[in-house]
C-alpha atoms as a PDB file:
ATOM      1  CA  MET A   1     -19.113 -30.083  -4.401  1.00  0.00           C
ATOM      2  CA  ARG A   2     -20.999 -27.545  -6.721  1.00  0.00           C
ATOM      3  CA  SER A   3     -20.115 -27.448 -10.378  1.00  0.00           C
ATOM      4  CA  MET A   4     -19.211 -24.231 -12.400  1.00  0.00           C
ATOM      5  CA  LEU A   5     -22.737 -23.645 -13.735  1.00  0.00           C
ATOM      6  CA  SER A   6     -24.328 -23.453 -10.484  1.00  0.00           C
ATOM      7  CA  VAL A   7     -22.437 -20.435  -9.522  1.00  0.00           C
ATOM      8  CA  ASN A   8     -24.757 -17.162  -8.921  1.00  0.00           C
ATOM      9  CA  PRO A   9     -23.851 -14.616 -12.033  1.00  0.00           C
ATOM     10  CA  VAL A  10     -24.398 -11.927  -9.371  1.00  0.00           C
ATOM     11  CA  THR A  11     -21.996 -13.456  -6.850  1.00  0.00           C
ATOM     12  CA  PHE A  12     -19.027 -13.852  -9.928  1.00  0.00           C
ATOM     13  CA  MET A  13     -19.546 -10.435 -10.795  1.00  0.00           C
ATOM     14  CA  ALA A  14     -19.051  -9.233  -7.168  1.00  0.00           C
ATOM     15  CA  ASN A  15     -16.070 -11.284  -6.667  1.00  0.00           C
ATOM     16  CA  TYR A  16     -14.474 -10.481 -10.548  1.00  0.00           C
ATOM     17  CA  THR A  17     -15.023  -6.873 -10.196  1.00  0.00           C
ATOM     18  CA  TYR A  18     -13.334  -6.984  -5.898  1.00  0.00           C
ATOM     19  CA  GLY A  19     -10.007  -8.653  -7.528  1.00  0.00           C
ATOM     20  CA  VAL A  20      -9.772  -6.347 -10.642  1.00  0.00           C
ATOM     21  CA  SER A  21     -10.221  -3.368  -7.943  1.00  0.00           C
ATOM     22  CA  LEU A  22      -7.477  -4.934  -6.203  1.00  0.00           C
ATOM     23  CA  LEU A  23      -5.552  -5.888  -9.082  1.00  0.00           C
ATOM     24  CA  ILE A  24      -5.429  -1.579  -9.792  1.00  0.00           C
ATOM     25  CA  ALA A  25      -5.127  -0.537  -6.027  1.00  0.00           C
ATOM     26  CA  ASN A  26      -1.821  -2.691  -5.458  1.00  0.00           C
ATOM     27  CA  VAL A  27      -0.224  -1.467  -8.820  1.00  0.00           C
ATOM     28  CA  ALA A  28      -1.086   2.516  -7.601  1.00  0.00           C
ATOM     29  CA  ILE A  29      -0.029   1.645  -4.322  1.00  0.00           C
ATOM     30  CA  ALA A  30       3.477   0.583  -5.707  1.00  0.00           C
ATOM     31  CA  ILE A  31       3.769   3.224  -7.919  1.00  0.00           C
ATOM     32  CA  SER A  32       2.870   5.599  -5.253  1.00  0.00           C
ATOM     33  CA  ALA A  33       5.923   3.768  -3.110  1.00  0.00           C
ATOM     34  CA  VAL A  34       8.297   3.824  -5.831  1.00  0.00           C
ATOM     35  CA  GLY A  35       7.927   8.428  -6.271  1.00  0.00           C
ATOM     36  CA  TYR A  36       7.752   8.447  -3.007  1.00  0.00           C
ATOM     37  CA  GLY A  37      11.278   6.454  -2.642  1.00  0.00           C
ATOM     38  CA  THR A  38      12.687   8.047  -5.575  1.00  0.00           C
ATOM     39  CA  GLU A  39      12.148  11.475  -3.777  1.00  0.00           C
ATOM     40  CA  LEU A  40      13.457   9.826  -0.208  1.00  0.00           C
ATOM     41  CA  LEU A  41      16.688   8.991  -1.640  1.00  0.00           C
ATOM     42  CA  GLY A  42      16.711  11.833  -4.487  1.00  0.00           C
ATOM     43  CA  ALA A  43      16.618   9.825  -7.549  1.00  0.00           C
ATOM     44  CA  SER A  44      15.634  10.239 -11.044  1.00  0.00           C
ATOM     45  CA  LEU A  45      14.493   7.066 -12.867  1.00  0.00           C
ATOM     46  CA  SER A  46      12.897   7.069 -15.999  1.00  0.00           C
ATOM     47  CA  PRO A  47       9.414   5.832 -17.180  1.00  0.00           C
ATOM     48  CA  VAL A  48      10.557   2.492 -17.571  1.00  0.00           C
ATOM     49  CA  GLN A  49      12.866   2.217 -14.835  1.00  0.00           C
ATOM     50  CA  ILE A  50       9.809   3.885 -12.254  1.00  0.00           C
ATOM     51  CA  GLY A  51       7.974   0.699 -14.624  1.00  0.00           C
ATOM     52  CA  LEU A  52      10.804  -1.557 -13.316  1.00  0.00           C
ATOM     53  CA  ALA A  53      10.832  -0.356  -9.857  1.00  0.00           C
ATOM     54  CA  THR A  54       7.027  -1.380 -10.071  1.00  0.00           C
ATOM     55  CA  ILE A  55       7.194  -4.684 -11.004  1.00  0.00           C
ATOM     56  CA  GLY A  56      10.164  -5.177  -8.019  1.00  0.00           C
ATOM     57  CA  VAL A  57       7.897  -3.593  -5.319  1.00  0.00           C
ATOM     58  CA  LEU A  58       5.055  -5.831  -6.714  1.00  0.00           C
ATOM     59  CA  TRP A  59       6.836  -8.795  -6.335  1.00  0.00           C
ATOM     60  CA  ILE A  60       8.980  -8.168  -3.077  1.00  0.00           C
ATOM     61  CA  CYS A  61       5.121  -8.309  -1.884  1.00  0.00           C
ATOM     62  CA  THR A  62       3.570 -11.148  -3.328  1.00  0.00           C
ATOM     63  CA  VAL A  63       7.609 -13.103  -2.529  1.00  0.00           C
ATOM     64  CA  ALA A  64       6.654 -11.660   1.828  1.00  0.00           C
ATOM     65  CA  ASN A  65       3.133 -13.411   1.321  1.00  0.00           C
ATOM     66  CA  PHE A  66       4.569 -17.169   0.065  1.00  0.00           C
ATOM     67  CA  GLY A  67       5.169 -17.477   3.359  1.00  0.00           C
ATOM     68  CA  GLY A  68       1.980 -17.071   5.098  1.00  0.00           C
ATOM     69  CA  ALA A  69      -0.560 -14.534   7.160  1.00  0.00           C
ATOM     70  CA  ARG A  70       1.799 -15.458  10.243  1.00  0.00           C
ATOM     71  CA  ILE A  71       5.294 -13.692   8.098  1.00  0.00           C
ATOM     72  CA  THR A  72       3.126 -10.562   6.690  1.00  0.00           C
ATOM     73  CA  GLY A  73       1.689 -10.480   9.341  1.00  0.00           C
ATOM     74  CA  GLN A  74       5.213  -9.781  11.533  1.00  0.00           C
ATOM     75  CA  ILE A  75       6.230  -7.433   8.985  1.00  0.00           C
ATOM     76  CA  SER A  76       3.264  -5.831   9.403  1.00  0.00           C
ATOM     77  CA  SER A  77       3.747  -5.154  13.395  1.00  0.00           C
ATOM     78  CA  ILE A  78       6.620  -3.587  12.195  1.00  0.00           C
ATOM     79  CA  THR A  79       5.784  -1.161   9.789  1.00  0.00           C
ATOM     80  CA  VAL A  80       2.563   0.053  11.074  1.00  0.00           C
ATOM     81  CA  TRP A  81       4.933   1.902  13.708  1.00  0.00           C
ATOM     82  CA  GLY A  82       6.119   3.743  10.913  1.00  0.00           C
ATOM     83  CA  VAL A  83       3.607   5.328  10.552  1.00  0.00           C
ATOM     84  CA  ILE A  84       2.181   5.614  14.572  1.00  0.00           C
ATOM     85  CA  ILE A  85       5.032   7.096  15.085  1.00  0.00           C
ATOM     86  CA  PRO A  86       5.125  10.011  13.005  1.00  0.00           C
ATOM     87  CA  VAL A  87       1.888  10.984  13.693  1.00  0.00           C
ATOM     88  CA  VAL A  88       2.070  10.564  17.717  1.00  0.00           C
ATOM     89  CA  GLY A  89       5.587  12.874  16.857  1.00  0.00           C
ATOM     90  CA  LEU A  90       3.480  15.711  15.166  1.00  0.00           C
ATOM     91  CA  CYS A  91       0.552  15.621  17.379  1.00  0.00           C
ATOM     92  CA  ILE A  92       2.912  16.203  20.079  1.00  0.00           C
ATOM     93  CA  ILE A  93       5.284  18.509  18.653  1.00  0.00           C
ATOM     94  CA  GLY A  94       2.536  20.352  16.961  1.00  0.00           C
ATOM     95  CA  TRP A  95       1.330  22.044  19.949  1.00  0.00           C
ATOM     96  CA  PHE A  96       4.329  23.795  19.912  1.00  0.00           C
ATOM     97  CA  TRP A  97       3.916  25.715  17.091  1.00  0.00           C
ATOM     98  CA  PHE A  98      -0.206  26.110  16.868  1.00  0.00           C
ATOM     99  CA  ARG A  99      -1.739  29.894  16.993  1.00  0.00           C
ATOM    100  CA  PRO A 100      -5.044  29.915  18.269  1.00  0.00           C
ATOM    101  CA  ASP A 101      -5.132  33.690  17.063  1.00  0.00           C
ATOM    102  CA  ALA A 102      -4.413  31.425  13.183  1.00  0.00           C
ATOM    103  CA  LEU A 103      -7.992  30.582  13.405  1.00  0.00           C
ATOM    104  CA  ARG A 104      -9.757  33.451  13.589  1.00  0.00           C
END
């Protein structure tokens, strides 16, 4: 087993910055989810409530990951349809509103 002193500093720095970027990205995604949720549900939240809701979303995602990759994979296989169905729907329905003369 390698000791901590033999860790390459470049590798450590790459892993450290990757970890920090994941933390920032996850918080940004959770804030976006809370923002979309408040608009969808017509709720008006104070900044403290938004912060608490964001923490709640992060914890819900964390608890889902406690079950391992199988559970999160099953959740993802269901939620991906929430993306695919609207995109396909817009692609099909959009042809009825397409006007080629609008591009001239």
